[in-house]
Amino acid sequence: MYKITDNVRNSLTKKLSKARKTIIENNDIYMDSDHEQLCLYYKKYQDLMKQFNTKKTKITYNNLKIDKHILSEDHLDDLITFKNNNIDIDLLYNDYNKKFINKLYVLNNTSYYEEWIKSQNEFITNLNPEEIFTLRCHTHDGDIIINYFITNNFNIDIDIDSVDNGYRKSTLIINKKLFNTNRDFILFYYQIKKYLYFENHSKYNILSRLELEQYIIENYKTFDWNKILILYIKDIKDIFKKSPKIKDTIVIYRGVNDDYYIKNSTKGIYNSDTLSSYTLDHETAIGYANKNCCIMRVKLIKGCKAILLDNISPYDEAEILLPFDTKYNIDHPRHFINYYKQNDICPDDTKSKKIMVTDLSVITSANSR
């Protein structure tokens, strides 16, 4: 039998020892069995995260948006053109597990919204320029002024430019860049014109539009605003009469800093005397809410009316307008939900915030008949 020399034996022993040590070091990568299990879960988490991130769900609705609004220099119609636009809503949930991370948004049949938006596109583009101009007033400060007028017993008792709820953006004369017009935009222009013609038709009828606008700019603070805003209310109501009715239930949102709709309700019914703006986008609503209060989540049922103001607004807020004298049923008041601003697969409770939500449904509307 061949005898291994001491040198060879020592060399082989050293190599075997080194190999055993390498095997132990390479396999002993876990602190304990719990650590090993945690790492297995982490690997699964990484695999799921890849699927989660590639299957986030956004909804895009095809819409129209005012492109240009050319004010005429005489008393003929303005030239208004529209362009294709999208309303994009991030649902903050994913197709992978169909589980909501954001509990604020209500999943509904998207075809209901698509059909309603399509009907609104047709409705808005068929309005005449005066009606479109009148609606546009609401999208920038007009809502603040008219709602103050109504809640103050139909009386403007201060300077018209001082009417403010904390969100007023400008004076009555709006810079042309905001509305993409060729001249500065005068809020309530057509109602002012009617008012002036009624006061002294022969005096103002002879003025060109440019001359009349200049007169308004120089003198609007002296006008009887109670008369002008009564005309505005009538014109808005007439526009709502033309608007198509809701065919299938959709859900809209409104962010506020006070739950006035509960405080001013009677036996679970709240009636709004004023115009009310909502949005299709829950994230836009969050932006208007206070730290913990409040979101109105409103169900529009078949037969009621609403106008998609996003078509004519200078802002991208998916804004919706509900008419005067809208009545709501308070379905579920003052319940808190965790709203996660991020859309990680494992929401971090330290990054969430509680939002007070009240669910309501429109039950009647004076302009739905």
Protein backbone atom coordinates (compact mmCIF):
# COMPACT_ATOMS: atom_id res chain seq x y z
CA MET A 1 0.00 0.00 0.00
CA TYR A 2 1.24 3.44 -0.93
CA LYS A 3 2.27 5.49 2.07
CA ILE A 4 1.42 9.20 2.16
CA THR A 5 4.30 11.29 3.26
CA ASP A 6 3.92 13.63 6.19
CA ASN A 7 4.24 16.67 3.93
CA VAL A 8 1.42 15.52 1.64
CA ARG A 9 -0.75 14.59 4.65
CA ASN A 10 -0.25 17.97 6.23
CA SER A 11 -1.03 19.73 2.94
CA LEU A 12 -4.25 17.76 2.40
CA THR A 13 -5.35 18.28 5.99
CA LYS A 14 -4.89 22.02 5.67
CA LYS A 15 -6.89 22.09 2.41
CA LEU A 16 -9.70 20.01 3.93
CA SER A 17 -9.86 22.25 6.97
CA LYS A 18 -10.01 25.30 4.75
CA ALA A 19 -12.75 23.72 2.61
CA ARG A 20 -14.82 22.85 5.69
CA LYS A 21 -14.45 26.40 6.99
CA THR A 22 -15.56 27.82 3.63
CA ILE A 23 -18.62 25.55 3.58
CA ILE A 24 -19.58 26.61 7.10
CA GLU A 25 -19.08 30.33 6.34
CA ASN A 26 -21.07 30.20 3.10
CA ASN A 27 -24.02 28.35 4.59
CA ASP A 28 -24.24 30.00 7.97
CA ILE A 29 -25.75 33.26 6.61
CA TYR A 30 -28.73 33.46 9.00
CA MET A 31 -28.68 34.46 12.62
CA ASP A 32 -31.37 31.91 13.41
CA SER A 33 -34.43 30.21 11.90
CA ASP A 34 -36.58 33.34 12.39
CA HIS A 35 -34.04 35.37 10.45
CA GLU A 36 -34.07 32.79 7.66
CA GLN A 37 -37.91 32.89 7.52
CA LEU A 38 -37.90 36.68 7.47
CA CYS A 39 -35.53 36.70 4.51
CA LEU A 40 -37.75 34.27 2.63
CA TYR A 41 -40.71 36.60 3.19
CA TYR A 42 -38.61 39.56 2.09
CA LYS A 43 -37.74 37.81 -1.16
CA LYS A 44 -41.45 37.16 -1.72
CA TYR A 45 -42.17 40.82 -0.91
CA GLN A 46 -39.68 41.93 -3.56
CA ASP A 47 -41.33 39.67 -6.13
CA LEU A 48 -44.80 40.99 -5.25
CA MET A 49 -43.57 44.60 -5.31
CA LYS A 50 -42.49 44.16 -8.92
CA GLN A 51 -46.01 43.05 -9.83
CA PHE A 52 -47.57 45.80 -7.71
CA ASN A 53 -45.56 48.59 -9.30
CA THR A 54 -46.28 47.45 -12.83
CA LYS A 55 -50.02 47.16 -12.27
CA LYS A 56 -50.98 50.40 -10.56
CA THR A 57 -54.36 51.58 -11.70
CA LYS A 58 -55.16 54.98 -13.10
CA ILE A 59 -58.36 55.94 -14.83
CA THR A 60 -58.30 58.31 -17.77
CA TYR A 61 -61.49 59.93 -19.01
CA ASN A 62 -61.56 61.61 -22.41
CA ASN A 63 -62.74 65.16 -22.05
CA LEU A 64 -62.82 68.51 -23.83
CA LYS A 65 -61.19 71.71 -22.59
CA ILE A 66 -61.46 75.30 -23.75
CA ASP A 67 -58.49 76.08 -25.95
CA LYS A 68 -59.11 79.72 -26.82
CA HIS A 69 -61.74 82.24 -25.83
CA ILE A 70 -61.63 85.22 -28.16
CA LEU A 71 -63.78 88.08 -26.88
CA SER A 72 -65.48 89.96 -29.68
CA GLU A 73 -64.89 93.67 -30.14
CA ASP A 74 -68.52 94.33 -30.94
CA HIS A 75 -71.66 92.74 -29.51
CA LEU A 76 -71.50 89.62 -31.65
CA ASP A 77 -70.66 86.18 -30.26
CA ASP A 78 -67.24 85.37 -28.84
CA LEU A 79 -65.15 82.78 -30.65
CA ILE A 80 -64.62 79.76 -28.39
CA THR A 81 -62.65 76.68 -29.44
CA PHE A 82 -62.11 73.40 -27.59
CA LYS A 83 -59.32 70.84 -27.58
CA ASN A 84 -59.11 67.21 -26.51
CA ASN A 85 -58.13 66.74 -22.89
CA ASN A 86 -57.90 63.98 -20.27
CA ILE A 87 -59.03 63.70 -16.69
CA ASP A 88 -56.53 61.40 -14.97
CA ILE A 89 -57.33 59.88 -11.59
CA ASP A 90 -54.86 57.79 -9.61
CA LEU A 91 -56.90 55.21 -7.72
CA LEU A 92 -53.99 54.17 -5.46
CA TYR A 93 -54.85 50.52 -5.81
CA ASN A 94 -53.59 47.86 -8.19
CA ASP A 95 -54.85 45.15 -10.50
CA TYR A 96 -52.53 42.63 -8.87
CA ASN A 97 -54.59 42.11 -5.73
CA LYS A 98 -57.68 44.28 -6.31
CA LYS A 99 -57.25 45.58 -2.78
CA PHE A 100 -57.56 49.27 -2.04
CA ILE A 101 -54.76 51.09 -0.33
CA ASN A 102 -56.78 54.29 -0.48
CA LYS A 103 -60.14 53.72 1.18
CA LEU A 104 -61.43 57.17 0.23
CA TYR A 105 -62.13 56.47 -3.43
CA VAL A 106 -65.29 54.50 -4.18
CA LEU A 107 -64.84 51.94 -6.94
CA ASN A 108 -67.70 52.27 -9.38
CA ASN A 109 -68.51 51.28 -12.94
CA THR A 110 -66.23 53.49 -15.06
CA SER A 111 -68.63 53.29 -18.01
CA TYR A 112 -71.13 55.37 -15.99
CA TYR A 113 -68.59 58.18 -15.75
CA GLU A 114 -67.54 57.86 -19.38
CA GLU A 115 -71.13 58.14 -20.58
CA TRP A 116 -71.86 61.12 -18.36
CA ILE A 117 -68.67 62.96 -19.40
CA LYS A 118 -69.51 62.33 -23.04
CA SER A 119 -72.97 63.84 -22.55
CA GLN A 120 -71.39 66.82 -20.74
CA ASN A 121 -68.97 67.43 -23.61
CA GLU A 122 -71.93 67.62 -25.98
CA PHE A 123 -73.91 69.81 -23.60
CA ILE A 124 -71.12 72.34 -23.00
CA THR A 125 -70.14 72.68 -26.67
CA ASN A 126 -73.77 73.31 -27.60
CA LEU A 127 -74.14 76.21 -25.18
CA ASN A 128 -73.96 79.67 -26.68
CA PRO A 129 -70.95 81.92 -25.91
CA GLU A 130 -72.90 83.99 -23.38
CA GLU A 131 -73.83 80.86 -21.41
CA ILE A 132 -70.26 79.56 -21.47
CA PHE A 133 -68.96 82.96 -20.32
CA THR A 134 -71.49 82.94 -17.47
CA LEU A 135 -70.46 79.46 -16.34
CA ARG A 136 -66.79 80.37 -16.49
CA CYS A 137 -67.40 83.09 -13.90
CA HIS A 138 -68.09 80.39 -11.33
CA THR A 139 -64.69 78.75 -11.81
CA HIS A 140 -62.80 81.83 -10.60
CA ASP A 141 -64.24 83.80 -7.65
CA GLY A 142 -67.78 83.90 -9.04
CA ASP A 143 -68.73 81.07 -6.68
CA ILE A 144 -67.41 83.02 -3.68
CA ILE A 145 -69.35 86.14 -4.60
CA ILE A 146 -72.67 84.48 -5.41
CA ASN A 147 -72.60 82.24 -2.34
CA TYR A 148 -71.86 85.21 -0.07
CA PHE A 149 -74.78 87.03 -1.68
CA ILE A 150 -77.18 84.15 -0.99
CA THR A 151 -76.04 83.39 2.56
CA ASN A 152 -76.14 87.11 3.40
CA ASN A 153 -79.88 87.26 2.64
CA PHE A 154 -79.34 88.23 -1.00
CA ASN A 155 -77.43 91.34 -0.12
CA ILE A 156 -73.96 92.63 -1.02
CA ASP A 157 -73.23 94.99 1.84
CA ILE A 158 -69.51 95.50 1.24
CA ASP A 159 -67.21 96.41 -1.64
CA ILE A 160 -67.60 93.72 -4.30
CA ASP A 161 -63.83 93.18 -4.36
CA SER A 162 -63.83 92.66 -0.58
CA VAL A 163 -66.17 89.67 -0.73
CA ASP A 164 -63.90 86.83 0.31
CA ASN A 165 -64.11 83.50 2.13
CA GLY A 166 -60.35 83.16 2.37
CA TYR A 167 -59.97 81.77 -1.15
CA ARG A 168 -60.57 84.89 -3.28
CA LYS A 169 -57.97 85.07 -6.05
CA SER A 170 -58.41 88.46 -7.72
CA THR A 171 -60.60 91.49 -8.22
CA LEU A 172 -63.60 91.46 -10.53
CA ILE A 173 -61.26 92.04 -13.47
CA ILE A 174 -59.24 88.89 -14.22
CA ASN A 175 -55.98 88.86 -16.14
CA LYS A 176 -56.47 87.56 -19.68
CA LYS A 177 -53.69 84.97 -19.30
CA LEU A 178 -55.69 82.97 -16.78
CA PHE A 179 -58.71 82.48 -19.02
CA ASN A 180 -56.67 82.45 -22.23
CA THR A 181 -58.66 85.38 -23.60
CA ASN A 182 -57.52 88.26 -25.77
CA ARG A 183 -58.59 90.84 -23.16
CA ASP A 184 -59.04 90.84 -19.43
CA PHE A 185 -62.05 88.82 -18.32
CA ILE A 186 -64.80 90.73 -16.50
CA LEU A 187 -66.76 88.59 -14.04
CA PHE A 188 -70.54 88.74 -14.60
CA TYR A 189 -70.08 90.78 -17.78
CA TYR A 190 -73.36 89.74 -19.40
CA GLN A 191 -75.36 90.28 -16.22
CA ILE A 192 -73.78 93.73 -15.81
CA LYS A 193 -74.67 94.49 -19.39
CA LYS A 194 -78.32 93.55 -18.81
CA TYR A 195 -78.38 95.60 -15.64
CA LEU A 196 -76.98 98.69 -17.37
CA TYR A 197 -79.33 98.35 -20.34
CA PHE A 198 -82.28 98.10 -17.96
CA GLU A 199 -81.11 101.14 -15.99
CA ASN A 200 -80.59 103.36 -19.04
CA HIS A 201 -80.90 101.56 -22.34
CA SER A 202 -80.40 104.57 -24.58
CA LYS A 203 -77.21 105.59 -22.77
CA TYR A 204 -75.44 102.23 -22.87
CA ASN A 205 -76.88 100.71 -26.02
CA ILE A 206 -74.85 103.03 -28.20
CA LEU A 207 -71.55 101.87 -26.70
CA SER A 208 -69.46 99.28 -28.50
CA ARG A 209 -68.39 96.26 -26.47
CA LEU A 210 -64.93 97.71 -25.97
CA GLU A 211 -66.43 100.99 -24.77
CA LEU A 212 -68.87 99.19 -22.49
CA GLU A 213 -66.10 97.06 -20.98
CA GLN A 214 -64.02 100.14 -20.27
CA TYR A 215 -66.99 101.81 -18.59
CA ILE A 216 -67.53 98.71 -16.44
CA ILE A 217 -63.87 98.55 -15.44
CA GLU A 218 -63.96 102.17 -14.31
CA ASN A 219 -67.32 102.08 -12.52
CA TYR A 220 -68.24 98.54 -11.41
CA LYS A 221 -67.83 99.27 -7.71
CA THR A 222 -70.70 101.76 -7.91
CA PHE A 223 -73.20 99.31 -9.45
CA ASP A 224 -76.19 97.79 -7.65
CA TRP A 225 -74.75 94.33 -7.20
CA ASN A 226 -77.91 92.91 -5.68
CA LYS A 227 -79.68 93.40 -9.01
CA ILE A 228 -76.75 92.03 -11.03
CA LEU A 229 -76.42 88.83 -8.97
CA ILE A 230 -80.16 88.14 -9.13
CA LEU A 231 -79.73 88.11 -12.92
CA TYR A 232 -76.76 85.75 -12.54
CA ILE A 233 -78.80 83.30 -10.45
CA LYS A 234 -81.53 83.29 -13.08
CA ASP A 235 -79.05 82.69 -15.90
CA ILE A 236 -77.36 79.80 -14.06
CA LYS A 237 -80.73 78.18 -13.36
CA ASP A 238 -81.64 78.47 -17.05
CA ILE A 239 -78.38 76.72 -17.99
CA PHE A 240 -79.10 73.89 -15.54
CA LYS A 241 -82.50 73.40 -17.15
CA LYS A 242 -80.67 72.49 -20.37
CA SER A 243 -78.17 70.13 -18.75
CA PRO A 244 -78.63 66.36 -19.20
CA LYS A 245 -79.76 64.24 -16.26
CA ILE A 246 -77.59 61.63 -14.59
CA LYS A 247 -78.43 58.21 -16.04
CA ASP A 248 -76.43 55.98 -13.68
CA THR A 249 -75.07 56.54 -10.18
CA ILE A 250 -71.69 58.25 -9.91
CA VAL A 251 -69.76 59.37 -6.83
CA ILE A 252 -68.12 62.78 -6.44
CA TYR A 253 -66.05 64.43 -3.69
CA ARG A 254 -65.75 67.77 -1.91
CA GLY A 255 -63.09 68.85 0.57
CA VAL A 256 -64.13 71.36 3.25
CA ASN A 257 -62.84 72.58 6.63
CA ASP A 258 -66.11 72.32 8.55
CA ASP A 259 -68.96 69.80 8.60
CA TYR A 260 -71.61 72.49 8.11
CA TYR A 261 -73.77 70.02 6.17
CA ILE A 262 -74.32 68.06 9.38
CA LYS A 263 -74.63 71.05 11.70
CA ASN A 264 -77.25 72.58 9.38
CA SER A 265 -79.14 69.36 8.70
CA THR A 266 -82.58 68.43 9.96
CA LYS A 267 -83.51 64.79 10.59
CA GLY A 268 -80.70 63.57 8.37
CA ILE A 269 -81.51 65.94 5.48
CA TYR A 270 -79.30 68.80 4.37
CA ASN A 271 -80.45 71.46 1.91
CA SER A 272 -77.90 73.64 0.13
CA ASP A 273 -79.21 77.03 -1.01
CA THR A 274 -75.98 77.86 -2.82
CA LEU A 275 -74.09 76.43 -5.78
CA SER A 276 -71.64 73.73 -4.72
CA SER A 277 -68.43 72.63 -6.41
CA TYR A 278 -67.26 69.02 -6.29
CA THR A 279 -64.65 66.96 -8.09
CA LEU A 280 -64.30 63.54 -9.66
CA ASP A 281 -60.83 63.31 -8.11
CA HIS A 282 -60.60 62.38 -4.42
CA GLU A 283 -57.02 63.72 -4.23
CA THR A 284 -58.20 67.17 -5.36
CA ALA A 285 -60.83 67.08 -2.61
CA ILE A 286 -58.15 66.24 -0.03
CA GLY A 287 -56.31 69.39 -1.07
CA TYR A 288 -59.27 71.54 -0.02
CA ALA A 289 -59.88 69.77 3.30
CA ASN A 290 -58.46 70.76 6.66
CA LYS A 291 -56.02 68.54 8.54
CA ASN A 292 -58.71 66.18 9.84
CA CYS A 293 -61.90 67.57 8.32
CA CYS A 294 -63.66 66.92 6.08
CA ILE A 295 -64.57 65.04 2.91
CA MET A 296 -68.10 64.97 1.52
CA ARG A 297 -68.50 61.82 -0.54
CA VAL A 298 -71.66 62.35 -2.55
CA LYS A 299 -73.64 59.88 -4.58
CA LEU A 300 -75.40 61.37 -7.61
CA ILE A 301 -78.35 59.19 -8.40
CA LYS A 302 -80.29 58.71 -11.60
CA GLY A 303 -82.34 61.77 -12.55
CA CYS A 304 -80.40 64.51 -10.77
CA LYS A 305 -78.33 67.17 -12.54
CA ALA A 306 -74.74 68.31 -12.45
CA ILE A 307 -72.45 70.23 -14.79
CA LEU A 308 -68.84 69.25 -15.56
CA LEU A 309 -67.08 72.60 -15.21
CA ASP A 310 -63.68 71.11 -15.99
CA ASN A 311 -64.43 71.69 -19.68
CA ILE A 312 -64.41 75.46 -19.25
CA SER A 313 -62.28 75.95 -16.14
CA PRO A 314 -58.76 77.40 -16.26
CA TYR A 315 -57.84 74.82 -13.59
CA ASP A 316 -57.37 71.04 -13.85
CA GLU A 317 -59.47 69.92 -10.90
CA ALA A 318 -62.15 67.77 -12.57
CA GLU A 319 -64.64 70.26 -11.14
CA ILE A 320 -68.36 69.51 -11.05
CA LEU A 321 -71.13 71.98 -10.22
CA LEU A 322 -74.36 71.09 -8.41
CA PRO A 323 -77.32 73.49 -8.67
CA PHE A 324 -78.94 75.80 -6.18
CA ASP A 325 -81.35 74.17 -3.71
CA THR A 326 -79.81 70.71 -3.88
CA LYS A 327 -81.06 68.41 -1.13
CA TYR A 328 -78.94 65.63 0.38
CA ASN A 329 -79.64 62.62 2.51
CA ILE A 330 -76.88 62.06 5.07
CA ASP A 331 -76.21 58.34 4.72
CA HIS A 332 -73.18 57.85 6.98
CA PRO A 333 -71.97 60.87 9.01
CA ARG A 334 -68.57 61.53 10.50
CA HIS A 335 -66.68 58.30 10.11
CA PHE A 336 -62.88 58.34 10.07
CA ILE A 337 -60.72 56.50 7.58
CA ASN A 338 -56.95 56.25 7.15
CA TYR A 339 -55.92 58.03 3.98
CA TYR A 340 -52.54 56.88 2.64
CA LYS A 341 -50.86 59.45 0.45
CA GLN A 342 -48.34 56.89 -0.82
CA ASN A 343 -49.20 53.69 -2.64
CA ASP A 344 -46.66 51.22 -1.28
CA ILE A 345 -47.71 47.62 -1.11
CA CYS A 346 -47.31 47.78 2.68
CA PRO A 347 -48.82 51.14 3.80
CA ASP A 348 -46.97 52.82 6.63
CA ASP A 349 -49.38 53.84 9.38
CA THR A 350 -47.01 56.59 10.42
CA LYS A 351 -47.47 58.19 6.99
CA SER A 352 -51.26 58.01 6.94
CA LYS A 353 -53.71 60.56 8.24
CA LYS A 354 -57.24 60.16 9.46
CA ILE A 355 -59.86 61.97 7.40
CA MET A 356 -63.41 62.55 8.55
CA VAL A 357 -65.73 61.42 5.78
CA THR A 358 -69.48 61.83 5.47
CA ASP A 359 -71.36 59.87 2.84
CA LEU A 360 -74.35 61.67 1.32
CA SER A 361 -76.68 61.13 -1.61
CA VAL A 362 -78.61 63.71 -3.61
CA ILE A 363 -82.30 63.06 -3.18
CA THR A 364 -83.90 66.07 -4.83
CA SER A 365 -82.86 69.09 -6.82
CA ALA A 366 -84.93 72.04 -7.87
CA ASN A 367 -83.36 71.86 -11.31
CA SER A 368 -83.77 68.11 -11.74
CA ARG A 369 -87.41 68.31 -12.60
